[in-house]
Amino acid sequence: MSYSVGHVAGLAGVTVRTLHHYDEIGLLAPSERSYAGHRRYSDEDLDRLQQILFYRELGFPLDEVKVLLDDPGVDPQEHLRRQHELLAGRIEQLQKMATAVEQAMEAKKMGINLTPEERFEVFGEHDPEQYEEEAEQRWGNTDAWAESKRKTSSYTKEDWLRIRAEADDWTRRMIALIESGAEPASEAAMDMAEEHRLQICQYHYTCTHEIHSCLAEMFVADERFTRNIDKAKPGLAAYMSEAMIANALRHL
């Protein structure tokens, strides 16, 4: 059985012009010609075309492909073994690339343009993606969410480290205030709460006093928030919550 050049082009997913070029350079000459001089390809020709396309997919230039296929010391089985090894290596490389792309996609989704190593340096054991899906479901259609994504998507590692340092400094000062015996509704505690709100406005989204009050309620209503905040000092979440609500009432 033989096949026309158009049929072969359709089977292999190449153009007729490509097959003509392969013929012209001696890479794939059709075994037969019709009475009218048209190219006709045999099953053996199709096998060779498959080998050519394998090597081309692996990045081999046409002249090297011709040398490989015309080597009398290499049988077809050896070509398959070689291609299997090359493909296995290519697959491993592509898997690594896919992993890197997935990490980049997740980072972009979070608006955190950092490598995994940089993210650990900035956030430590706290995974900023842990509640990403839940948060998006709750606030994904809000202006605050869109504003936060827009701002944080441009932050570098140095930006995040500066933000983290400011947050850590704020936490230390708030703990010192607690240990001094100041009440959550005291002027000093409310001023600290207002500073906390302004930091959110500066680095994430416009946090109104109403929104800040909602955050305050979450700090004590959701044990995950409470547990994370209280790592710095037991009772910190509850103290912050009271101070934030008192501050909101003071301004409202």
Protein backbone atom coordinates (compact mmCIF):
# COMPACT_ATOMS: atom_id res chain seq x y z
CA MET A 1 0.00 0.00 0.00
CA SER A 2 1.21 3.50 -0.76
CA TYR A 3 -0.04 6.93 0.26
CA SER A 4 -0.21 10.29 -1.45
CA VAL A 5 1.76 13.23 -0.14
CA GLY A 6 -1.45 14.93 1.00
CA HIS A 7 -2.57 11.84 2.88
CA VAL A 8 0.78 11.48 4.62
CA ALA A 9 0.83 15.18 5.52
CA GLY A 10 -2.59 14.80 7.14
CA LEU A 11 -1.56 11.67 9.06
CA ALA A 12 1.67 13.19 10.37
CA GLY A 13 0.34 16.67 11.08
CA VAL A 14 2.88 18.35 8.80
CA THR A 15 2.50 20.39 5.62
CA VAL A 16 2.93 19.07 2.09
CA ARG A 17 5.66 21.67 1.68
CA THR A 18 7.55 20.09 4.60
CA LEU A 19 7.43 16.67 2.93
CA HIS A 20 8.63 18.19 -0.33
CA HIS A 21 11.54 19.78 1.54
CA TYR A 22 12.44 16.48 3.23
CA ASP A 23 12.51 14.88 -0.21
CA GLU A 24 14.65 17.63 -1.70
CA ILE A 25 17.34 17.34 1.00
CA GLY A 26 17.34 13.54 0.89
CA LEU A 27 15.90 13.11 4.36
CA LEU A 28 12.72 11.35 3.29
CA ALA A 29 12.46 10.32 -0.33
CA PRO A 30 9.19 8.58 -1.27
CA SER A 31 9.61 4.98 -2.32
CA GLU A 32 7.36 5.33 -5.35
CA ARG A 33 6.07 7.72 -7.93
CA SER A 34 2.75 7.58 -9.70
CA TYR A 35 2.53 7.49 -13.49
CA ALA A 36 2.00 11.22 -13.34
CA GLY A 37 5.18 11.66 -11.25
CA HIS A 38 3.42 12.31 -7.94
CA ARG A 39 5.06 11.17 -4.73
CA ARG A 40 3.78 7.94 -3.12
CA TYR A 41 4.87 6.88 0.37
CA SER A 42 5.12 3.31 1.70
CA ASP A 43 4.63 2.02 5.24
CA GLU A 44 8.42 2.01 5.62
CA ASP A 45 8.50 5.66 4.57
CA LEU A 46 5.93 6.44 7.26
CA ASP A 47 8.10 4.68 9.85
CA ARG A 48 11.06 6.84 8.82
CA LEU A 49 8.89 9.96 8.96
CA GLN A 50 7.88 9.05 12.49
CA GLN A 51 11.55 8.76 13.45
CA ILE A 52 12.26 12.14 11.84
CA LEU A 53 9.44 13.82 13.72
CA PHE A 54 10.56 12.27 17.02
CA TYR A 55 14.06 13.67 16.60
CA ARG A 56 12.73 17.03 15.44
CA GLU A 57 10.51 17.25 18.52
CA LEU A 58 13.60 16.64 20.63
CA GLY A 59 15.33 19.59 18.98
CA PHE A 60 17.68 17.83 16.56
CA PRO A 61 18.50 19.79 13.35
CA LEU A 62 17.59 18.11 10.08
CA ASP A 63 21.18 17.41 9.03
CA GLU A 64 21.85 15.54 12.30
CA VAL A 65 18.59 13.62 11.94
CA LYS A 66 19.69 12.47 8.48
CA VAL A 67 23.07 11.29 9.79
CA LEU A 68 21.42 9.39 12.64
CA LEU A 69 18.86 7.66 10.45
CA ASP A 70 21.30 6.80 7.70
CA ASP A 71 23.88 5.30 10.07
CA PRO A 72 24.17 1.67 8.92
CA GLY A 73 25.41 0.61 12.33
CA VAL A 74 22.18 1.56 14.09
CA ASP A 75 19.09 -0.61 13.71
CA PRO A 76 15.52 0.71 14.14
CA GLN A 77 15.29 -0.78 17.63
CA GLU A 78 18.34 1.21 18.69
CA HIS A 79 16.68 4.38 17.42
CA LEU A 80 13.67 3.64 19.57
CA ARG A 81 15.84 3.03 22.65
CA ARG A 82 17.73 6.26 22.08
CA GLN A 83 14.54 8.23 21.57
CA HIS A 84 13.01 6.71 24.70
CA GLU A 85 16.00 7.84 26.76
CA LEU A 86 15.89 11.31 25.25
CA LEU A 87 12.15 11.59 25.76
CA ALA A 88 12.44 10.42 29.37
CA GLY A 89 14.99 13.16 29.99
CA ARG A 90 12.80 15.69 28.23
CA ILE A 91 9.79 14.62 30.30
CA GLU A 92 11.75 15.04 33.52
CA GLN A 93 12.87 18.50 32.43
CA LEU A 94 9.34 19.48 31.44
CA GLN A 95 7.98 18.22 34.77
CA LYS A 96 10.45 20.45 36.59
CA MET A 97 9.43 23.36 34.39
CA ALA A 98 5.75 22.60 35.00
CA THR A 99 6.37 22.59 38.77
CA ALA A 100 8.12 25.94 38.53
CA VAL A 101 5.28 27.38 36.45
CA GLU A 102 2.68 26.04 38.93
CA GLN A 103 4.55 27.71 41.78
CA ALA A 104 4.67 30.95 39.82
CA MET A 105 0.93 30.67 39.05
CA GLU A 106 0.11 30.17 42.72
CA ALA A 107 2.33 33.08 43.66
CA LYS A 108 0.62 35.31 41.10
CA LYS A 109 -2.80 34.12 42.29
CA MET A 110 -1.85 35.16 45.79
CA GLY A 111 -0.34 38.40 44.55
CA ILE A 112 2.95 37.26 46.06
CA ASN A 113 5.67 37.37 43.45
CA LEU A 114 8.27 35.36 45.39
CA THR A 115 10.11 32.08 45.03
CA PRO A 116 9.28 29.36 47.57
CA GLU A 117 12.56 30.09 49.39
CA GLU A 118 11.81 33.82 49.54
CA ARG A 119 8.26 33.19 50.73
CA PHE A 120 9.56 31.05 53.60
CA GLU A 121 12.06 33.79 54.45
CA VAL A 122 9.25 36.36 54.56
CA PHE A 123 6.35 34.38 56.05
CA GLY A 124 8.13 31.59 57.93
CA GLU A 125 5.91 28.60 58.65
CA HIS A 126 2.75 30.62 58.04
CA ASP A 127 1.50 29.66 54.58
CA PRO A 128 -0.23 32.69 53.02
CA GLU A 129 -2.09 30.37 50.64
CA GLN A 130 -3.57 28.19 53.37
CA TYR A 131 -6.93 29.95 53.45
CA GLU A 132 -6.71 31.60 50.02
CA GLU A 133 -9.62 29.72 48.49
CA GLU A 134 -11.86 30.33 51.50
CA ALA A 135 -10.95 34.01 51.57
CA GLU A 136 -11.62 34.41 47.86
CA GLN A 137 -15.03 32.81 48.26
CA ARG A 138 -15.91 35.22 51.06
CA TRP A 139 -14.42 38.45 49.69
CA GLY A 140 -13.40 37.78 46.10
CA ASN A 141 -16.08 40.08 44.68
CA THR A 142 -15.26 43.06 46.91
CA ASP A 143 -13.33 46.20 46.03
CA ALA A 144 -11.00 45.56 48.97
CA TRP A 145 -10.01 42.17 47.55
CA ALA A 146 -9.29 43.63 44.12
CA GLU A 147 -7.31 46.50 45.62
CA SER A 148 -5.22 44.13 47.74
CA LYS A 149 -4.42 41.94 44.72
CA ARG A 150 -3.44 44.98 42.70
CA LYS A 151 -1.12 46.33 45.39
CA THR A 152 0.56 43.12 46.52
CA SER A 153 1.19 41.81 43.00
CA SER A 154 4.00 44.34 42.57
CA TYR A 155 5.72 43.76 45.93
CA THR A 156 9.27 42.44 45.93
CA LYS A 157 10.88 40.35 48.64
CA GLU A 158 12.35 43.53 50.12
CA ASP A 159 8.88 45.10 50.23
CA TRP A 160 7.44 42.09 52.06
CA LEU A 161 10.36 42.00 54.51
CA ARG A 162 9.82 45.69 55.30
CA ILE A 163 6.09 45.13 55.82
CA ARG A 164 6.84 42.12 58.01
CA ALA A 165 9.34 44.13 60.07
CA GLU A 166 6.79 46.89 60.64
CA ALA A 167 4.17 44.34 61.68
CA ASP A 168 6.59 42.64 64.06
CA ASP A 169 7.54 45.99 65.58
CA TRP A 170 3.85 46.81 66.05
CA THR A 171 3.26 43.45 67.75
CA ARG A 172 6.17 43.99 70.15
CA ARG A 173 4.86 47.41 71.13
CA MET A 174 1.32 46.09 71.58
CA ILE A 175 2.59 43.29 73.83
CA ALA A 176 4.58 45.83 75.86
CA LEU A 177 1.38 47.85 76.26
CA ILE A 178 -0.50 44.79 77.51
CA GLU A 179 2.26 44.00 79.99
CA SER A 180 2.16 47.59 81.24
CA GLY A 181 -1.41 46.97 82.43
CA ALA A 182 -3.14 49.32 79.98
CA GLU A 183 -6.77 48.49 79.29
CA PRO A 184 -7.86 47.59 75.70
CA ALA A 185 -10.10 50.67 75.64
CA SER A 186 -7.34 52.98 76.83
CA GLU A 187 -6.15 55.84 74.63
CA ALA A 188 -2.81 54.15 74.03
CA ALA A 189 -4.40 50.83 73.02
CA MET A 190 -6.86 52.54 70.68
CA ASP A 191 -3.99 54.47 69.10
CA MET A 192 -2.20 51.18 68.48
CA ALA A 193 -5.38 49.78 66.92
CA GLU A 194 -5.60 52.80 64.63
CA GLU A 195 -1.98 52.29 63.59
CA HIS A 196 -2.84 48.67 62.77
CA ARG A 197 -5.73 49.83 60.58
CA LEU A 198 -3.57 52.36 58.76
CA GLN A 199 -0.95 49.70 58.02
CA ILE A 200 -3.64 47.63 56.32
CA CYS A 201 -4.70 50.70 54.32
CA GLN A 202 -1.14 51.43 53.27
CA TYR A 203 -0.10 47.96 52.20
CA HIS A 204 -3.26 46.05 51.36
CA TYR A 205 -6.63 47.75 50.96
CA THR A 206 -8.77 50.61 52.22
CA CYS A 207 -9.71 49.35 55.65
CA THR A 208 -12.55 51.44 57.05
CA HIS A 209 -13.35 51.41 60.75
CA GLU A 210 -16.36 49.22 59.97
CA ILE A 211 -14.13 46.68 58.19
CA HIS A 212 -11.60 46.89 61.01
CA SER A 213 -14.38 46.06 63.50
CA CYS A 214 -15.30 43.01 61.43
CA LEU A 215 -11.67 41.89 61.52
CA ALA A 216 -11.68 42.37 65.29
CA GLU A 217 -14.65 40.04 65.63
CA MET A 218 -12.96 37.43 63.42
CA PHE A 219 -9.84 37.51 65.59
CA VAL A 220 -11.83 35.98 68.46
CA ALA A 221 -14.63 34.19 66.60
CA ASP A 222 -12.35 32.12 64.36
CA GLU A 223 -10.00 29.96 66.40
CA ARG A 224 -7.53 29.85 63.51
CA PHE A 225 -7.00 33.61 63.76
CA THR A 226 -6.89 33.45 67.55
CA ARG A 227 -4.36 30.62 67.55
CA ASN A 228 -2.08 32.35 65.05
CA ILE A 229 -2.17 35.76 66.77
CA ASP A 230 -1.75 34.29 70.23
CA LYS A 231 1.54 32.67 69.20
CA ALA A 232 3.14 36.04 69.98
CA LYS A 233 1.42 36.24 73.38
CA PRO A 234 -1.56 34.35 74.83
CA GLY A 235 -4.57 36.66 74.98
CA LEU A 236 -3.21 39.02 72.31
CA ALA A 237 -6.05 38.30 69.87
CA ALA A 238 -8.74 39.16 72.43
CA TYR A 239 -6.90 42.32 73.53
CA MET A 240 -6.46 43.45 69.92
CA SER A 241 -10.11 42.76 69.19
CA GLU A 242 -11.31 44.92 72.09
CA ALA A 243 -8.90 47.72 71.22
CA MET A 244 -9.91 47.68 67.54
CA ILE A 245 -13.63 47.83 68.35
CA ALA A 246 -13.09 50.59 70.91
CA ASN A 247 -11.09 52.55 68.35
CA ALA A 248 -13.78 52.11 65.70
CA LEU A 249 -16.45 53.38 68.14
CA ARG A 250 -14.24 56.33 69.00
CA HIS A 251 -14.06 57.37 65.34
CA LEU A 252 -17.65 56.52 64.47
